[in-house]
Amino acid sequence: MKSKASAPGKVILFGEHFVVYGVKAILCAIDKRITVTAEQIPEDKISIKSNIGKLEIPTNESITEIDSPLKPFCYLASKLIQKYNSKSGINITVESEIPLGVGLGSSSACCVAGAAAISQLFEETSKEKILELAIEAEKTIFQNTSGADCTVCAFGGLMEYDKKKGFSKIDTESNFHLVIVNSNIEHSTDAVVSNVKKFKDSNEEQFLNLCKKESELINKVMKNLKNKDLKELGNMMHKNQEFLETIGISNEKLRQMINVAETIAYGAKITGAGGGGCIIALTDESNLEKTISQLRGKNYDCFSVRIDHKGLDTF
């Protein structure tokens, strides 16, 4: 038996880092996807092939010692083989449209699509149950994940995340374009998060004030999204970037990319951890191609995306 599923990547539109300290974040699923094909095989093994490598283990092997970005697939396959007392192995193939390790949700999309494709080998499973499995799998590589990325990859669209209250979908028909620009600078999310905490501990009053300002900004963003006011959303992105500069997650290359993008786009900012990775620029049909042309003219690696409203897709 064979099954297939795909899930979109994501960007953080607003609220990165501050979300750790109780401010809401706004996430957006993007129309670049990861597709996972799972197939039961007679051999007693779990075999995974992807564009980042291959991995093969016996079905009865403990996954505890596995040190690989493909570990979530081993977890999912092993868990479901044991749950259903299956005598078959599983062959897993992963195809990705999402650049890896740059804050665009490739790991979360893998976990969501993987959980759906593998679980379908055994029974029909609700999206909610698939999400639970996906978050469990993601915790094998990111122990402290909030589940926010997996949630937006599973359900698609725009989503608000609150550390205390959880997730809620933002009901809007906004369908702007984003230009994603990759700095191609490797970064460690853990290291950046640690540095932000050091900034907070050394500047308690300033950081508290920044959290208050970010919270006020998020409230304005919610109104602007519903009103489809791209000009004002761009202004909010610019303001959010100022906060991110203050807490020290930017660098000269990211600033240069943002400055180039903002000459034509409505606004631009870092998305995700910072220190490297990507920025996003807000556009629509009127300035999309000009923004891309301007960035590519400076030899920046960029591409456009739109909101993915579908989320997880099984077929």
C-alpha atoms as a PDB file:
ATOM      1  CA  MET A   1       0.000   0.000   0.000  1.00  0.00           C
ATOM      2  CA  LYS A   2       1.146   3.537  -0.802  1.00  0.00           C
ATOM      3  CA  SER A   3      -0.033   6.947   0.457  1.00  0.00           C
ATOM      4  CA  LYS A   4       0.975  10.536  -0.184  1.00  0.00           C
ATOM      5  CA  ALA A   5       0.623  13.878   1.610  1.00  0.00           C
ATOM      6  CA  SER A   6       1.978  17.406   1.304  1.00  0.00           C
ATOM      7  CA  ALA A   7       2.182  20.370   3.651  1.00  0.00           C
ATOM      8  CA  PRO A   8       3.207  24.010   3.150  1.00  0.00           C
ATOM      9  CA  GLY A   9       6.121  25.886   4.673  1.00  0.00           C
ATOM     10  CA  LYS A  10       5.601  29.031   6.712  1.00  0.00           C
ATOM     11  CA  VAL A  11       6.958  32.445   7.634  1.00  0.00           C
ATOM     12  CA  ILE A  12       6.579  34.467  10.802  1.00  0.00           C
ATOM     13  CA  LEU A  13       5.059  37.769   9.736  1.00  0.00           C
ATOM     14  CA  PHE A  14       5.274  39.484  13.126  1.00  0.00           C
ATOM     15  CA  GLY A  15       6.305  38.698  16.683  1.00  0.00           C
ATOM     16  CA  GLU A  16       9.405  36.498  16.458  1.00  0.00           C
ATOM     17  CA  HIS A  17      11.432  36.361  19.697  1.00  0.00           C
ATOM     18  CA  PHE A  18       8.917  38.513  21.590  1.00  0.00           C
ATOM     19  CA  VAL A  19       6.476  35.585  21.387  1.00  0.00           C
ATOM     20  CA  VAL A  20       8.726  33.695  23.830  1.00  0.00           C
ATOM     21  CA  TYR A  21       7.939  36.374  26.415  1.00  0.00           C
ATOM     22  CA  GLY A  22       4.160  36.402  26.044  1.00  0.00           C
ATOM     23  CA  VAL A  23       3.569  38.638  23.002  1.00  0.00           C
ATOM     24  CA  LYS A  24       1.386  37.238  20.205  1.00  0.00           C
ATOM     25  CA  ALA A  25       2.968  36.180  16.914  1.00  0.00           C
ATOM     26  CA  ILE A  26       1.378  36.076  13.464  1.00  0.00           C
ATOM     27  CA  LEU A  27       2.352  33.200  11.166  1.00  0.00           C
ATOM     28  CA  CYS A  28       1.521  32.582   7.534  1.00  0.00           C
ATOM     29  CA  ALA A  29       1.563  29.341   5.516  1.00  0.00           C
ATOM     30  CA  ILE A  30       3.276  29.791   2.137  1.00  0.00           C
ATOM     31  CA  ASP A  31       2.710  28.048  -1.189  1.00  0.00           C
ATOM     32  CA  LYS A  32       6.008  26.143  -1.205  1.00  0.00           C
ATOM     33  CA  ARG A  33       5.406  22.579  -0.132  1.00  0.00           C
ATOM     34  CA  ILE A  34       6.987  19.355   1.044  1.00  0.00           C
ATOM     35  CA  THR A  35       5.521  16.106  -0.301  1.00  0.00           C
ATOM     36  CA  VAL A  36       5.996  12.782   1.475  1.00  0.00           C
ATOM     37  CA  THR A  37       5.235   9.392  -0.083  1.00  0.00           C
ATOM     38  CA  ALA A  38       5.019   6.383   2.244  1.00  0.00           C
ATOM     39  CA  GLU A  39       4.832   2.765   1.106  1.00  0.00           C
ATOM     40  CA  GLN A  40       4.594  -0.488   3.007  1.00  0.00           C
ATOM     41  CA  ILE A  41       7.348  -2.926   2.011  1.00  0.00           C
ATOM     42  CA  PRO A  42       7.993  -6.583   2.888  1.00  0.00           C
ATOM     43  CA  GLU A  43      11.506  -5.908   4.228  1.00  0.00           C
ATOM     44  CA  ASP A  44      11.895  -5.411   7.967  1.00  0.00           C
ATOM     45  CA  LYS A  45      13.238  -1.839   7.708  1.00  0.00           C
ATOM     46  CA  ILE A  46      12.415   1.864   7.667  1.00  0.00           C
ATOM     47  CA  SER A  47      14.032   3.503   4.631  1.00  0.00           C
ATOM     48  CA  ILE A  48      14.025   7.271   3.999  1.00  0.00           C
ATOM     49  CA  LYS A  49      15.214   9.113   0.883  1.00  0.00           C
ATOM     50  CA  SER A  50      15.303  12.913   0.621  1.00  0.00           C
ATOM     51  CA  ASN A  51      17.290  15.718  -0.935  1.00  0.00           C
ATOM     52  CA  ILE A  52      19.300  16.035   2.299  1.00  0.00           C
ATOM     53  CA  GLY A  53      20.338  12.392   2.321  1.00  0.00           C
ATOM     54  CA  LYS A  54      19.229   8.840   3.070  1.00  0.00           C
ATOM     55  CA  LEU A  55      18.658   6.859   6.242  1.00  0.00           C
ATOM     56  CA  GLU A  56      17.810   3.219   6.812  1.00  0.00           C
ATOM     57  CA  ILE A  57      17.186   1.401  10.104  1.00  0.00           C
ATOM     58  CA  PRO A  58      15.628  -1.933  11.148  1.00  0.00           C
ATOM     59  CA  THR A  59      11.996  -1.554  12.240  1.00  0.00           C
ATOM     60  CA  ASN A  60      12.829  -2.703  15.773  1.00  0.00           C
ATOM     61  CA  GLU A  61      15.772  -0.331  16.296  1.00  0.00           C
ATOM     62  CA  SER A  62      15.517   2.327  19.009  1.00  0.00           C
ATOM     63  CA  ILE A  63      15.563   5.841  17.556  1.00  0.00           C
ATOM     64  CA  THR A  64      17.084   7.355  20.695  1.00  0.00           C
ATOM     65  CA  GLU A  65      20.639   7.413  19.345  1.00  0.00           C
ATOM     66  CA  ILE A  66      19.771   8.602  15.830  1.00  0.00           C
ATOM     67  CA  ASP A  67      21.452  11.929  15.055  1.00  0.00           C
ATOM     68  CA  SER A  68      19.877  13.026  11.781  1.00  0.00           C
ATOM     69  CA  PRO A  69      17.395  15.669  10.551  1.00  0.00           C
ATOM     70  CA  LEU A  70      15.452  12.656   9.218  1.00  0.00           C
ATOM     71  CA  LYS A  71      14.853  11.395  12.774  1.00  0.00           C
ATOM     72  CA  PRO A  72      11.180  12.559  12.877  1.00  0.00           C
ATOM     73  CA  PHE A  73      10.335  10.148  10.028  1.00  0.00           C
ATOM     74  CA  CYS A  74      11.961   7.281  11.949  1.00  0.00           C
ATOM     75  CA  TYR A  75       9.927   8.228  15.002  1.00  0.00           C
ATOM     76  CA  LEU A  76       6.642   8.328  13.087  1.00  0.00           C
ATOM     77  CA  ALA A  77       7.237   5.080  11.203  1.00  0.00           C
ATOM     78  CA  SER A  78       8.443   3.217  14.293  1.00  0.00           C
ATOM     79  CA  LYS A  79       5.555   4.469  16.454  1.00  0.00           C
ATOM     80  CA  LEU A  80       2.876   3.475  13.940  1.00  0.00           C
ATOM     81  CA  ILE A  81       4.447   0.104  13.106  1.00  0.00           C
ATOM     82  CA  GLN A  82       4.395  -0.722  16.820  1.00  0.00           C
ATOM     83  CA  LYS A  83       0.910   0.706  17.390  1.00  0.00           C
ATOM     84  CA  TYR A  84      -0.630  -1.440  14.665  1.00  0.00           C
ATOM     85  CA  ASN A  85       1.665  -4.424  15.279  1.00  0.00           C
ATOM     86  CA  SER A  86       2.604  -4.327  11.607  1.00  0.00           C
ATOM     87  CA  LYS A  87       4.876  -6.960  10.092  1.00  0.00           C
ATOM     88  CA  SER A  88       5.799  -4.652   7.176  1.00  0.00           C
ATOM     89  CA  GLY A  89       8.523  -2.084   6.830  1.00  0.00           C
ATOM     90  CA  ILE A  90       8.014   1.408   5.411  1.00  0.00           C
ATOM     91  CA  ASN A  91       9.720   3.180   2.535  1.00  0.00           C
ATOM     92  CA  ILE A  92       9.532   7.004   2.736  1.00  0.00           C
ATOM     93  CA  THR A  93      10.386   9.499  -0.017  1.00  0.00           C
ATOM     94  CA  VAL A  94      10.581  13.238   0.665  1.00  0.00           C
ATOM     95  CA  GLU A  95      10.386  15.923  -2.043  1.00  0.00           C
ATOM     96  CA  SER A  96      10.860  19.566  -1.067  1.00  0.00           C
ATOM     97  CA  GLU A  97      10.239  22.975  -2.650  1.00  0.00           C
ATOM     98  CA  ILE A  98      11.363  24.700   0.561  1.00  0.00           C
ATOM     99  CA  PRO A  99      14.966  25.777   1.215  1.00  0.00           C
ATOM    100  CA  LEU A 100      16.231  23.992   4.311  1.00  0.00           C
ATOM    101  CA  GLY A 101      17.407  25.543   7.555  1.00  0.00           C
ATOM    102  CA  VAL A 102      16.463  29.138   6.757  1.00  0.00           C
ATOM    103  CA  GLY A 103      13.369  29.580   8.935  1.00  0.00           C
ATOM    104  CA  LEU A 104      10.716  28.662   6.352  1.00  0.00           C
ATOM    105  CA  GLY A 105       9.256  25.704   8.238  1.00  0.00           C
ATOM    106  CA  SER A 106      10.796  22.845   6.265  1.00  0.00           C
ATOM    107  CA  SER A 107      11.090  20.649   9.381  1.00  0.00           C
ATOM    108  CA  SER A 108       7.504  21.326  10.456  1.00  0.00           C
ATOM    109  CA  ALA A 109       6.151  20.704   6.960  1.00  0.00           C
ATOM    110  CA  CYS A 110       8.100  17.419   6.893  1.00  0.00           C
ATOM    111  CA  CYS A 111       6.591  16.372  10.211  1.00  0.00           C
ATOM    112  CA  VAL A 112       3.018  17.233   9.158  1.00  0.00           C
ATOM    113  CA  ALA A 113       3.238  15.622   5.709  1.00  0.00           C
ATOM    114  CA  GLY A 114       5.142  12.658   7.140  1.00  0.00           C
ATOM    115  CA  ALA A 115       2.597  12.077   9.916  1.00  0.00           C
ATOM    116  CA  ALA A 116      -0.240  12.172   7.383  1.00  0.00           C
ATOM    117  CA  ALA A 117       1.372   9.937   4.753  1.00  0.00           C
ATOM    118  CA  ILE A 118       2.570   7.302   7.217  1.00  0.00           C
ATOM    119  CA  SER A 119      -0.614   7.183   9.323  1.00  0.00           C
ATOM    120  CA  GLN A 120      -2.724   6.763   6.166  1.00  0.00           C
ATOM    121  CA  LEU A 121      -0.993   3.438   5.570  1.00  0.00           C
ATOM    122  CA  PHE A 122      -2.905   2.120   8.559  1.00  0.00           C
ATOM    123  CA  GLU A 123      -6.161   4.117   8.858  1.00  0.00           C
ATOM    124  CA  GLU A 124      -7.901   7.390   8.037  1.00  0.00           C
ATOM    125  CA  THR A 125      -6.763   9.965  10.593  1.00  0.00           C
ATOM    126  CA  SER A 126      -8.181  13.403  11.444  1.00  0.00           C
ATOM    127  CA  LYS A 127      -6.107  16.513  10.835  1.00  0.00           C
ATOM    128  CA  GLU A 128      -6.106  17.151  14.591  1.00  0.00           C
ATOM    129  CA  LYS A 129      -4.595  13.705  15.298  1.00  0.00           C
ATOM    130  CA  ILE A 130      -2.057  14.177  12.515  1.00  0.00           C
ATOM    131  CA  LEU A 131      -1.039  17.496  14.092  1.00  0.00           C
ATOM    132  CA  GLU A 132      -0.515  15.785  17.466  1.00  0.00           C
ATOM    133  CA  LEU A 133       1.726  13.193  15.805  1.00  0.00           C
ATOM    134  CA  ALA A 134       3.619  15.887  13.882  1.00  0.00           C
ATOM    135  CA  ILE A 135       4.388  17.897  17.032  1.00  0.00           C
ATOM    136  CA  GLU A 136       5.572  14.728  18.790  1.00  0.00           C
ATOM    137  CA  ALA A 137       7.870  14.026  15.824  1.00  0.00           C
ATOM    138  CA  GLU A 138       9.199  17.586  15.721  1.00  0.00           C
ATOM    139  CA  LYS A 139      10.124  17.347  19.406  1.00  0.00           C
ATOM    140  CA  THR A 140      12.649  14.630  18.525  1.00  0.00           C
ATOM    141  CA  ILE A 141      14.796  17.349  16.929  1.00  0.00           C
ATOM    142  CA  PHE A 142      13.453  20.560  18.556  1.00  0.00           C
ATOM    143  CA  GLN A 143      12.577  19.599  22.112  1.00  0.00           C
ATOM    144  CA  ASN A 144      11.104  22.967  23.089  1.00  0.00           C
ATOM    145  CA  THR A 145       8.951  23.519  19.993  1.00  0.00           C
ATOM    146  CA  SER A 146       5.738  25.415  20.706  1.00  0.00           C
ATOM    147  CA  GLY A 147       3.873  23.570  17.970  1.00  0.00           C
ATOM    148  CA  ALA A 148       3.072  26.867  16.247  1.00  0.00           C
ATOM    149  CA  ASP A 149       4.900  25.995  13.015  1.00  0.00           C
ATOM    150  CA  CYS A 150       3.313  22.538  12.723  1.00  0.00           C
ATOM    151  CA  THR A 151      -0.110  24.053  13.372  1.00  0.00           C
ATOM    152  CA  VAL A 152       0.078  26.618  10.583  1.00  0.00           C
ATOM    153  CA  CYS A 153       1.558  23.987   8.228  1.00  0.00           C
ATOM    154  CA  ALA A 154      -1.377  21.667   9.003  1.00  0.00           C
ATOM    155  CA  PHE A 155      -4.219  24.194   8.758  1.00  0.00           C
ATOM    156  CA  GLY A 156      -2.801  26.787   6.356  1.00  0.00           C
ATOM    157  CA  GLY A 157      -3.703  30.465   6.072  1.00  0.00           C
ATOM    158  CA  LEU A 158      -2.834  33.137   8.604  1.00  0.00           C
ATOM    159  CA  MET A 159      -2.625  32.241  12.282  1.00  0.00           C
ATOM    160  CA  GLU A 160      -2.223  34.042  15.569  1.00  0.00           C
ATOM    161  CA  TYR A 161      -0.173  32.295  18.257  1.00  0.00           C
ATOM    162  CA  ASP A 162      -0.286  33.151  21.941  1.00  0.00           C
ATOM    163  CA  LYS A 163       2.036  31.242  24.302  1.00  0.00           C
ATOM    164  CA  LYS A 164      -0.705  30.986  26.954  1.00  0.00           C
ATOM    165  CA  LYS A 165      -3.867  30.735  24.846  1.00  0.00           C
ATOM    166  CA  GLY A 166      -2.521  28.728  21.909  1.00  0.00           C
ATOM    167  CA  PHE A 167      -3.544  29.151  18.270  1.00  0.00           C
ATOM    168  CA  SER A 168      -6.398  30.811  16.440  1.00  0.00           C
ATOM    169  CA  LYS A 169      -6.898  31.192  12.708  1.00  0.00           C
ATOM    170  CA  ILE A 170      -7.138  34.735  11.348  1.00  0.00           C
ATOM    171  CA  ASP A 171     -10.223  34.962   9.174  1.00  0.00           C
ATOM    172  CA  THR A 172      -9.202  37.201   6.287  1.00  0.00           C
ATOM    173  CA  GLU A 173      -9.163  36.964   2.523  1.00  0.00           C
ATOM    174  CA  SER A 174      -5.861  38.831   2.307  1.00  0.00           C
ATOM    175  CA  ASN A 175      -3.773  37.289  -0.450  1.00  0.00           C
ATOM    176  CA  PHE A 176      -0.742  39.501  -0.784  1.00  0.00           C
ATOM    177  CA  HIS A 177       2.590  38.391  -2.230  1.00  0.00           C
ATOM    178  CA  LEU A 178       5.732  37.997  -0.176  1.00  0.00           C
ATOM    179  CA  VAL A 179       9.207  38.088  -1.646  1.00  0.00           C
ATOM    180  CA  ILE A 180      11.528  35.862   0.377  1.00  0.00           C
ATOM    181  CA  VAL A 181      15.202  36.807   0.247  1.00  0.00           C
ATOM    182  CA  ASN A 182      17.763  34.300   1.498  1.00  0.00           C
ATOM    183  CA  SER A 183      20.928  35.738   3.044  1.00  0.00           C
ATOM    184  CA  ASN A 184      22.625  32.315   2.701  1.00  0.00           C
ATOM    185  CA  ILE A 185      24.187  32.988   6.098  1.00  0.00           C
ATOM    186  CA  GLU A 186      24.099  29.925   8.324  1.00  0.00           C
ATOM    187  CA  HIS A 187      22.816  30.575  11.816  1.00  0.00           C
ATOM    188  CA  SER A 188      21.976  28.712  15.012  1.00  0.00           C
ATOM    189  CA  THR A 189      18.460  29.422  16.266  1.00  0.00           C
ATOM    190  CA  ASP A 190      19.446  28.298  19.769  1.00  0.00           C
ATOM    191  CA  ALA A 191      22.414  30.683  19.814  1.00  0.00           C
ATOM    192  CA  VAL A 192      20.308  33.645  18.601  1.00  0.00           C
ATOM    193  CA  VAL A 193      17.562  32.909  21.161  1.00  0.00           C
ATOM    194  CA  SER A 194      20.218  32.702  23.892  1.00  0.00           C
ATOM    195  CA  ASN A 195      21.654  36.081  22.879  1.00  0.00           C
ATOM    196  CA  VAL A 196      18.191  37.666  22.977  1.00  0.00           C
ATOM    197  CA  LYS A 197      17.741  36.335  26.519  1.00  0.00           C
ATOM    198  CA  LYS A 198      21.084  37.863  27.499  1.00  0.00           C
ATOM    199  CA  PHE A 199      19.901  41.203  26.070  1.00  0.00           C
ATOM    200  CA  LYS A 200      16.653  40.901  28.054  1.00  0.00           C
ATOM    201  CA  ASP A 201      18.451  40.059  31.303  1.00  0.00           C
ATOM    202  CA  SER A 202      20.818  43.012  30.880  1.00  0.00           C
ATOM    203  CA  ASN A 203      18.109  45.476  29.769  1.00  0.00           C
ATOM    204  CA  GLU A 204      14.970  44.434  31.673  1.00  0.00           C
ATOM    205  CA  GLU A 205      13.134  47.764  31.528  1.00  0.00           C
ATOM    206  CA  GLN A 206      13.971  48.403  27.864  1.00  0.00           C
ATOM    207  CA  PHE A 207      12.937  44.878  26.897  1.00  0.00           C
ATOM    208  CA  LEU A 208       9.655  45.148  28.796  1.00  0.00           C
ATOM    209  CA  ASN A 209       8.924  48.361  26.916  1.00  0.00           C
ATOM    210  CA  LEU A 210       9.741  46.683  23.589  1.00  0.00           C
ATOM    211  CA  CYS A 211       7.327  43.838  24.412  1.00  0.00           C
ATOM    212  CA  LYS A 212       4.603  46.396  25.140  1.00  0.00           C
ATOM    213  CA  LYS A 213       5.275  48.186  21.838  1.00  0.00           C
ATOM    214  CA  GLU A 214       5.303  44.890  19.929  1.00  0.00           C
ATOM    215  CA  SER A 215       1.970  43.901  21.482  1.00  0.00           C
ATOM    216  CA  GLU A 216       0.441  47.220  20.428  1.00  0.00           C
ATOM    217  CA  LEU A 217       1.880  46.752  16.942  1.00  0.00           C
ATOM    218  CA  ILE A 218       0.348  43.253  16.642  1.00  0.00           C
ATOM    219  CA  ASN A 219      -3.096  44.674  17.514  1.00  0.00           C
ATOM    220  CA  LYS A 220      -2.731  47.224  14.695  1.00  0.00           C
ATOM    221  CA  VAL A 221      -1.544  44.498  12.318  1.00  0.00           C
ATOM    222  CA  MET A 222      -4.715  42.477  12.982  1.00  0.00           C
ATOM    223  CA  LYS A 223      -6.845  45.439  11.901  1.00  0.00           C
ATOM    224  CA  ASN A 224      -4.676  46.110   8.848  1.00  0.00           C
ATOM    225  CA  LEU A 225      -4.903  42.472   7.749  1.00  0.00           C
ATOM    226  CA  LYS A 226      -8.690  42.562   7.906  1.00  0.00           C
ATOM    227  CA  ASN A 227      -8.758  45.877   6.038  1.00  0.00           C
ATOM    228  CA  LYS A 228      -6.176  44.608   3.493  1.00  0.00           C
ATOM    229  CA  ASP A 229      -4.196  47.805   4.070  1.00  0.00           C
ATOM    230  CA  LEU A 230      -0.839  46.780   2.593  1.00  0.00           C
ATOM    231  CA  LYS A 231       0.721  50.218   2.900  1.00  0.00           C
ATOM    232  CA  GLU A 232       0.097  50.306   6.640  1.00  0.00           C
ATOM    233  CA  LEU A 233       1.134  46.642   7.014  1.00  0.00           C
ATOM    234  CA  GLY A 234       4.416  47.621   5.361  1.00  0.00           C
ATOM    235  CA  ASN A 235       4.856  50.411   7.891  1.00  0.00           C
ATOM    236  CA  MET A 236       4.249  47.898  10.683  1.00  0.00           C
ATOM    237  CA  MET A 237       6.918  45.605   9.200  1.00  0.00           C
ATOM    238  CA  HIS A 238       9.385  48.492   9.178  1.00  0.00           C
ATOM    239  CA  LYS A 239       8.586  49.261  12.814  1.00  0.00           C
ATOM    240  CA  ASN A 240       8.857  45.589  13.806  1.00  0.00           C
ATOM    241  CA  GLN A 241      12.279  45.461  12.151  1.00  0.00           C
ATOM    242  CA  GLU A 242      13.407  48.380  14.322  1.00  0.00           C
ATOM    243  CA  PHE A 243      12.534  46.319  17.411  1.00  0.00           C
ATOM    244  CA  LEU A 244      14.442  43.314  16.038  1.00  0.00           C
ATOM    245  CA  GLU A 245      17.461  45.544  15.384  1.00  0.00           C
ATOM    246  CA  THR A 246      17.323  46.713  19.002  1.00  0.00           C
ATOM    247  CA  ILE A 247      17.460  43.169  20.418  1.00  0.00           C
ATOM    248  CA  GLY A 248      20.460  42.400  18.234  1.00  0.00           C
ATOM    249  CA  ILE A 249      19.328  39.731  15.754  1.00  0.00           C
ATOM    250  CA  SER A 250      20.212  41.638  12.588  1.00  0.00           C
ATOM    251  CA  ASN A 251      23.487  42.105  10.720  1.00  0.00           C
ATOM    252  CA  GLU A 252      24.844  44.189   7.861  1.00  0.00           C
ATOM    253  CA  LYS A 253      23.790  41.835   5.054  1.00  0.00           C
ATOM    254  CA  LEU A 254      20.221  41.540   6.378  1.00  0.00           C
ATOM    255  CA  ARG A 255      20.043  45.339   6.661  1.00  0.00           C
ATOM    256  CA  GLN A 256      21.285  45.758   3.102  1.00  0.00           C
ATOM    257  CA  MET A 257      18.671  43.309   1.763  1.00  0.00           C
ATOM    258  CA  ILE A 258      15.901  45.073   3.679  1.00  0.00           C
ATOM    259  CA  ASN A 259      17.018  48.493   2.401  1.00  0.00           C
ATOM    260  CA  VAL A 260      17.026  47.263  -1.213  1.00  0.00           C
ATOM    261  CA  ALA A 261      13.598  45.609  -0.838  1.00  0.00           C
ATOM    262  CA  GLU A 262      12.029  48.677   0.790  1.00  0.00           C
ATOM    263  CA  THR A 263      12.846  50.907  -2.176  1.00  0.00           C
ATOM    264  CA  ILE A 264       9.915  49.248  -3.996  1.00  0.00           C
ATOM    265  CA  ALA A 265       8.042  46.883  -1.626  1.00  0.00           C
ATOM    266  CA  TYR A 266       5.571  48.141   0.996  1.00  0.00           C
ATOM    267  CA  GLY A 267       7.852  46.951   3.798  1.00  0.00           C
ATOM    268  CA  ALA A 268      10.447  44.332   4.712  1.00  0.00           C
ATOM    269  CA  LYS A 269      11.790  42.634   7.811  1.00  0.00           C
ATOM    270  CA  ILE A 270      13.625  39.602   9.139  1.00  0.00           C
ATOM    271  CA  THR A 271      11.501  36.477   9.441  1.00  0.00           C
ATOM    272  CA  GLY A 272      12.390  33.841  12.017  1.00  0.00           C
ATOM    273  CA  ALA A 273      15.399  33.737  14.312  1.00  0.00           C
ATOM    274  CA  GLY A 274      17.596  36.250  12.501  1.00  0.00           C
ATOM    275  CA  GLY A 275      21.371  36.262  12.534  1.00  0.00           C
ATOM    276  CA  GLY A 276      21.088  34.866   9.001  1.00  0.00           C
ATOM    277  CA  GLY A 277      18.277  33.039   7.233  1.00  0.00           C
ATOM    278  CA  CYS A 278      15.705  35.110   5.358  1.00  0.00           C
ATOM    279  CA  ILE A 279      13.916  38.411   5.165  1.00  0.00           C
ATOM    280  CA  ILE A 280      10.425  38.944   3.746  1.00  0.00           C
ATOM    281  CA  ALA A 281       9.192  41.859   1.642  1.00  0.00           C
ATOM    282  CA  LEU A 282       5.486  42.689   1.319  1.00  0.00           C
ATOM    283  CA  THR A 283       4.177  43.252  -2.223  1.00  0.00           C
ATOM    284  CA  ASP A 284       1.149  42.893  -4.475  1.00  0.00           C
ATOM    285  CA  GLU A 285       0.730  42.573  -8.243  1.00  0.00           C
ATOM    286  CA  SER A 286       1.724  46.218  -8.743  1.00  0.00           C
ATOM    287  CA  ASN A 287       5.252  45.947  -7.345  1.00  0.00           C
ATOM    288  CA  LEU A 288       6.046  42.226  -7.164  1.00  0.00           C
ATOM    289  CA  GLU A 289       8.163  41.896 -10.324  1.00  0.00           C
ATOM    290  CA  LYS A 290       9.944  45.203  -9.751  1.00  0.00           C
ATOM    291  CA  THR A 291      10.874  44.135  -6.207  1.00  0.00           C
ATOM    292  CA  ILE A 292      12.264  40.801  -7.415  1.00  0.00           C
ATOM    293  CA  SER A 293      14.152  42.510 -10.258  1.00  0.00           C
ATOM    294  CA  GLN A 294      15.644  45.049  -7.875  1.00  0.00           C
ATOM    295  CA  LEU A 295      16.838  42.344  -5.482  1.00  0.00           C
ATOM    296  CA  ARG A 296      18.191  40.053  -8.191  1.00  0.00           C
ATOM    297  CA  GLY A 297      19.980  43.045  -9.675  1.00  0.00           C
ATOM    298  CA  LYS A 298      21.978  43.099  -6.435  1.00  0.00           C
ATOM    299  CA  ASN A 299      22.600  39.320  -6.790  1.00  0.00           C
ATOM    300  CA  TYR A 300      20.326  38.366  -3.910  1.00  0.00           C
ATOM    301  CA  ASP A 301      18.727  34.916  -3.889  1.00  0.00           C
ATOM    302  CA  CYS A 302      14.965  35.516  -3.819  1.00  0.00           C
ATOM    303  CA  PHE A 303      11.570  34.113  -4.850  1.00  0.00           C
ATOM    304  CA  SER A 304       7.924  35.020  -4.370  1.00  0.00           C
ATOM    305  CA  VAL A 305       5.217  33.216  -2.421  1.00  0.00           C
ATOM    306  CA  ARG A 306       1.559  33.698  -1.608  1.00  0.00           C
ATOM    307  CA  ILE A 307      -0.535  32.583   1.341  1.00  0.00           C
ATOM    308  CA  ASP A 308      -1.310  28.873   1.261  1.00  0.00           C
ATOM    309  CA  HIS A 309      -4.913  28.551   2.448  1.00  0.00           C
ATOM    310  CA  LYS A 310      -5.141  24.775   2.021  1.00  0.00           C
ATOM    311  CA  GLY A 311      -2.654  23.492   4.581  1.00  0.00           C
ATOM    312  CA  LEU A 312      -2.218  19.730   4.721  1.00  0.00           C
ATOM    313  CA  ASP A 313      -3.289  17.898   1.573  1.00  0.00           C
ATOM    314  CA  THR A 314      -3.587  14.117   1.268  1.00  0.00           C
ATOM    315  CA  PHE A 315      -3.936  12.210  -1.989  1.00  0.00           C
END
